[in-house]
Amino acid sequence: MTFDAVNNDGHHVTMDAYSSVGGENKAQRPKELLLSGLAGCTGMDVISILKKMKIIPAQFDIEVSADLTDNHPIIFSNIQVKYIFKGNNLPHSKIEKAVKLSQESFCGVTEILRQSATVGYQIINENLTE
């Protein structure tokens, strides 16, 4: 149940299944990789936009959670993206603008997943000073 996917550039991603279904639980499951792809896509957008605004957080984390449907094929029904910013002088209005641009205009992974699930987000801005 362990698979190694290789793209045209030679980059590898390993996938596995839970032990309960015959895997060895050595890697993320395919659906988890979709959520990781979402976090990476929107995170790259947000940081790129913030750099152009001359805003650099000391730390930036993204947490993604999702609900699954009950019937097969089991897909995501609701996805929540939590953007967590830490640092000083992080203007909330600029952070909100960067996240909104990613969510509504730039992140193709968000748009793909939005075709079958509700995608929402939350911004947490710690040590905020404007």
C-alpha atoms as a PDB file:
ATOM      1  CA  MET A   1       0.000   0.000   0.000  1.00  0.00           C
ATOM      2  CA  THR A   2       3.037   2.298  -0.117  1.00  0.00           C
ATOM      3  CA  PHE A   3       3.347   4.247  -3.361  1.00  0.00           C
ATOM      4  CA  ASP A   4       6.048   6.567  -4.616  1.00  0.00           C
ATOM      5  CA  ALA A   5       4.851   9.198  -7.076  1.00  0.00           C
ATOM      6  CA  VAL A   6       7.477  10.845  -9.281  1.00  0.00           C
ATOM      7  CA  ASN A   7       6.719  13.905 -11.394  1.00  0.00           C
ATOM      8  CA  ASN A   8       8.446  14.939 -14.639  1.00  0.00           C
ATOM      9  CA  ASP A   9      11.074  16.902 -12.673  1.00  0.00           C
ATOM     10  CA  GLY A  10      12.035  13.800 -10.713  1.00  0.00           C
ATOM     11  CA  HIS A  11      10.543  14.941  -7.395  1.00  0.00           C
ATOM     12  CA  HIS A  12       9.201  12.123  -5.207  1.00  0.00           C
ATOM     13  CA  VAL A  13       6.204  11.972  -2.897  1.00  0.00           C
ATOM     14  CA  THR A  14       5.533   8.844  -0.871  1.00  0.00           C
ATOM     15  CA  MET A  15       2.012   7.815   0.089  1.00  0.00           C
ATOM     16  CA  ASP A  16       0.840   5.051   2.384  1.00  0.00           C
ATOM     17  CA  ALA A  17      -2.311   3.789   4.054  1.00  0.00           C
ATOM     18  CA  TYR A  18      -3.222   3.194   7.677  1.00  0.00           C
ATOM     19  CA  SER A  19      -2.162  -0.143   9.165  1.00  0.00           C
ATOM     20  CA  SER A  20      -5.835  -1.032   9.622  1.00  0.00           C
ATOM     21  CA  VAL A  21      -6.282  -1.230   5.836  1.00  0.00           C
ATOM     22  CA  GLY A  22      -3.005  -2.924   4.957  1.00  0.00           C
ATOM     23  CA  GLY A  23      -0.573  -0.031   4.915  1.00  0.00           C
ATOM     24  CA  GLU A  24       2.388   0.621   7.133  1.00  0.00           C
ATOM     25  CA  ASN A  25       1.417   4.209   8.084  1.00  0.00           C
ATOM     26  CA  LYS A  26       4.808   5.458   6.808  1.00  0.00           C
ATOM     27  CA  ALA A  27       3.545   8.496   4.898  1.00  0.00           C
ATOM     28  CA  GLN A  28       0.570  10.738   4.304  1.00  0.00           C
ATOM     29  CA  ARG A  29      -2.552   9.365   2.707  1.00  0.00           C
ATOM     30  CA  PRO A  30      -3.544  10.756  -0.723  1.00  0.00           C
ATOM     31  CA  LYS A  31      -6.344  12.927   0.707  1.00  0.00           C
ATOM     32  CA  GLU A  32      -3.925  14.339   3.294  1.00  0.00           C
ATOM     33  CA  LEU A  33      -1.566  15.242   0.450  1.00  0.00           C
ATOM     34  CA  LEU A  34      -4.372  17.268  -1.127  1.00  0.00           C
ATOM     35  CA  LEU A  35      -4.663  19.288   2.082  1.00  0.00           C
ATOM     36  CA  SER A  36      -0.878  19.668   2.257  1.00  0.00           C
ATOM     37  CA  GLY A  37      -0.935  20.912  -1.332  1.00  0.00           C
ATOM     38  CA  LEU A  38      -3.599  23.436  -0.373  1.00  0.00           C
ATOM     39  CA  ALA A  39      -1.474  24.701   2.531  1.00  0.00           C
ATOM     40  CA  GLY A  40       1.602  24.969   0.331  1.00  0.00           C
ATOM     41  CA  CYS A  41      -0.208  26.742  -2.497  1.00  0.00           C
ATOM     42  CA  THR A  42      -1.926  29.367  -0.387  1.00  0.00           C
ATOM     43  CA  GLY A  43       1.110  29.779   1.886  1.00  0.00           C
ATOM     44  CA  MET A  44       3.379  30.567  -1.050  1.00  0.00           C
ATOM     45  CA  ASP A  45       0.829  33.091  -2.333  1.00  0.00           C
ATOM     46  CA  VAL A  46       0.471  34.818   1.027  1.00  0.00           C
ATOM     47  CA  ILE A  47       4.212  35.115   1.671  1.00  0.00           C
ATOM     48  CA  SER A  48       4.836  36.366  -1.869  1.00  0.00           C
ATOM     49  CA  ILE A  49       2.145  39.037  -1.498  1.00  0.00           C
ATOM     50  CA  LEU A  50       3.339  40.072   1.972  1.00  0.00           C
ATOM     51  CA  LYS A  51       6.948  40.393   0.743  1.00  0.00           C
ATOM     52  CA  LYS A  52       5.746  42.842  -1.914  1.00  0.00           C
ATOM     53  CA  MET A  53       4.049  44.794   0.909  1.00  0.00           C
ATOM     54  CA  LYS A  54       7.327  44.702   2.905  1.00  0.00           C
ATOM     55  CA  ILE A  55       5.638  42.635   5.646  1.00  0.00           C
ATOM     56  CA  ILE A  56       7.670  39.680   6.909  1.00  0.00           C
ATOM     57  CA  PRO A  57       6.219  37.672   9.813  1.00  0.00           C
ATOM     58  CA  ALA A  58       8.653  36.140  12.295  1.00  0.00           C
ATOM     59  CA  GLN A  59       6.682  32.907  11.968  1.00  0.00           C
ATOM     60  CA  PHE A  60       3.888  31.807   9.645  1.00  0.00           C
ATOM     61  CA  ASP A  61       2.001  28.536  10.037  1.00  0.00           C
ATOM     62  CA  ILE A  62      -0.988  27.086   8.256  1.00  0.00           C
ATOM     63  CA  GLU A  63      -3.265  24.449   9.750  1.00  0.00           C
ATOM     64  CA  VAL A  64      -5.775  22.731   7.492  1.00  0.00           C
ATOM     65  CA  SER A  65      -8.627  20.563   8.726  1.00  0.00           C
ATOM     66  CA  ALA A  66     -11.433  18.938   6.806  1.00  0.00           C
ATOM     67  CA  ASP A  67     -14.666  17.022   7.193  1.00  0.00           C
ATOM     68  CA  LEU A  68     -15.357  14.008   5.006  1.00  0.00           C
ATOM     69  CA  THR A  69     -18.615  12.793   3.543  1.00  0.00           C
ATOM     70  CA  ASP A  70     -20.091   9.553   4.892  1.00  0.00           C
ATOM     71  CA  ASN A  71     -20.756   7.774   1.586  1.00  0.00           C
ATOM     72  CA  HIS A  72     -18.446   6.526  -1.142  1.00  0.00           C
ATOM     73  CA  PRO A  73     -16.696   8.066  -2.844  1.00  0.00           C
ATOM     74  CA  ILE A  74     -15.637   9.714   0.415  1.00  0.00           C
ATOM     75  CA  ILE A  75     -14.632  13.306  -0.351  1.00  0.00           C
ATOM     76  CA  PHE A  76     -14.083  16.536   1.553  1.00  0.00           C
ATOM     77  CA  SER A  77     -17.286  18.385   2.379  1.00  0.00           C
ATOM     78  CA  ASN A  78     -15.851  21.248   4.430  1.00  0.00           C
ATOM     79  CA  ILE A  79     -12.261  22.485   4.584  1.00  0.00           C
ATOM     80  CA  GLN A  80     -10.964  25.066   7.055  1.00  0.00           C
ATOM     81  CA  VAL A  81      -7.649  26.859   6.601  1.00  0.00           C
ATOM     82  CA  LYS A  82      -6.158  28.565   9.647  1.00  0.00           C
ATOM     83  CA  TYR A  83      -3.442  31.141   8.946  1.00  0.00           C
ATOM     84  CA  ILE A  84      -1.304  31.841  12.022  1.00  0.00           C
ATOM     85  CA  PHE A  85       1.028  34.836  11.940  1.00  0.00           C
ATOM     86  CA  LYS A  86       3.507  35.718  14.691  1.00  0.00           C
ATOM     87  CA  GLY A  87       5.684  38.800  14.894  1.00  0.00           C
ATOM     88  CA  ASN A  88       5.708  42.513  15.475  1.00  0.00           C
ATOM     89  CA  ASN A  89       4.326  45.220  13.234  1.00  0.00           C
ATOM     90  CA  LEU A  90       2.017  42.898  11.336  1.00  0.00           C
ATOM     91  CA  PRO A  91      -0.777  45.159  10.044  1.00  0.00           C
ATOM     92  CA  HIS A  92      -3.951  43.080  10.130  1.00  0.00           C
ATOM     93  CA  SER A  93      -5.405  44.877   7.111  1.00  0.00           C
ATOM     94  CA  LYS A  94      -2.433  43.871   4.934  1.00  0.00           C
ATOM     95  CA  ILE A  95      -2.423  40.297   6.201  1.00  0.00           C
ATOM     96  CA  GLU A  96      -6.142  40.059   5.541  1.00  0.00           C
ATOM     97  CA  LYS A  97      -5.660  41.434   2.023  1.00  0.00           C
ATOM     98  CA  ALA A  98      -2.891  38.901   1.250  1.00  0.00           C
ATOM     99  CA  VAL A  99      -4.972  35.966   2.498  1.00  0.00           C
ATOM    100  CA  LYS A 100      -8.065  37.157   0.645  1.00  0.00           C
ATOM    101  CA  LEU A 101      -6.114  37.547  -2.614  1.00  0.00           C
ATOM    102  CA  SER A 102      -4.789  34.011  -2.266  1.00  0.00           C
ATOM    103  CA  GLN A 103      -8.193  32.565  -1.403  1.00  0.00           C
ATOM    104  CA  GLU A 104     -10.153  34.424  -4.077  1.00  0.00           C
ATOM    105  CA  SER A 105      -7.726  35.031  -6.941  1.00  0.00           C
ATOM    106  CA  PHE A 106      -4.456  33.116  -6.910  1.00  0.00           C
ATOM    107  CA  CYS A 107      -4.466  29.672  -5.274  1.00  0.00           C
ATOM    108  CA  GLY A 108      -5.527  27.151  -7.892  1.00  0.00           C
ATOM    109  CA  VAL A 109      -5.615  24.334  -5.349  1.00  0.00           C
ATOM    110  CA  THR A 110      -8.209  26.245  -3.317  1.00  0.00           C
ATOM    111  CA  GLU A 111     -10.321  26.682  -6.437  1.00  0.00           C
ATOM    112  CA  ILE A 112     -10.040  23.009  -7.391  1.00  0.00           C
ATOM    113  CA  LEU A 113     -11.121  21.886  -3.913  1.00  0.00           C
ATOM    114  CA  ARG A 114     -13.901  24.494  -3.859  1.00  0.00           C
ATOM    115  CA  GLN A 115     -15.538  22.580  -6.728  1.00  0.00           C
ATOM    116  CA  SER A 116     -16.598  19.853  -4.281  1.00  0.00           C
ATOM    117  CA  ALA A 117     -16.253  21.350  -0.783  1.00  0.00           C
ATOM    118  CA  THR A 118     -16.850  24.503   1.175  1.00  0.00           C
ATOM    119  CA  VAL A 119     -13.511  26.186   1.881  1.00  0.00           C
ATOM    120  CA  GLY A 120     -13.316  28.680   4.732  1.00  0.00           C
ATOM    121  CA  TYR A 121     -10.476  30.386   6.513  1.00  0.00           C
ATOM    122  CA  GLN A 122      -9.483  32.077   9.735  1.00  0.00           C
ATOM    123  CA  ILE A 123      -6.626  34.499  10.414  1.00  0.00           C
ATOM    124  CA  ILE A 124      -4.821  34.532  13.747  1.00  0.00           C
ATOM    125  CA  ASN A 125      -2.418  37.438  14.150  1.00  0.00           C
ATOM    126  CA  GLU A 126      -0.316  37.211  17.326  1.00  0.00           C
ATOM    127  CA  ASN A 127       1.674  40.177  18.704  1.00  0.00           C
ATOM    128  CA  LEU A 128      -0.239  42.557  16.496  1.00  0.00           C
ATOM    129  CA  THR A 129       0.888  46.160  16.336  1.00  0.00           C
ATOM    130  CA  GLU A 130      -0.175  48.574  13.644  1.00  0.00           C
END
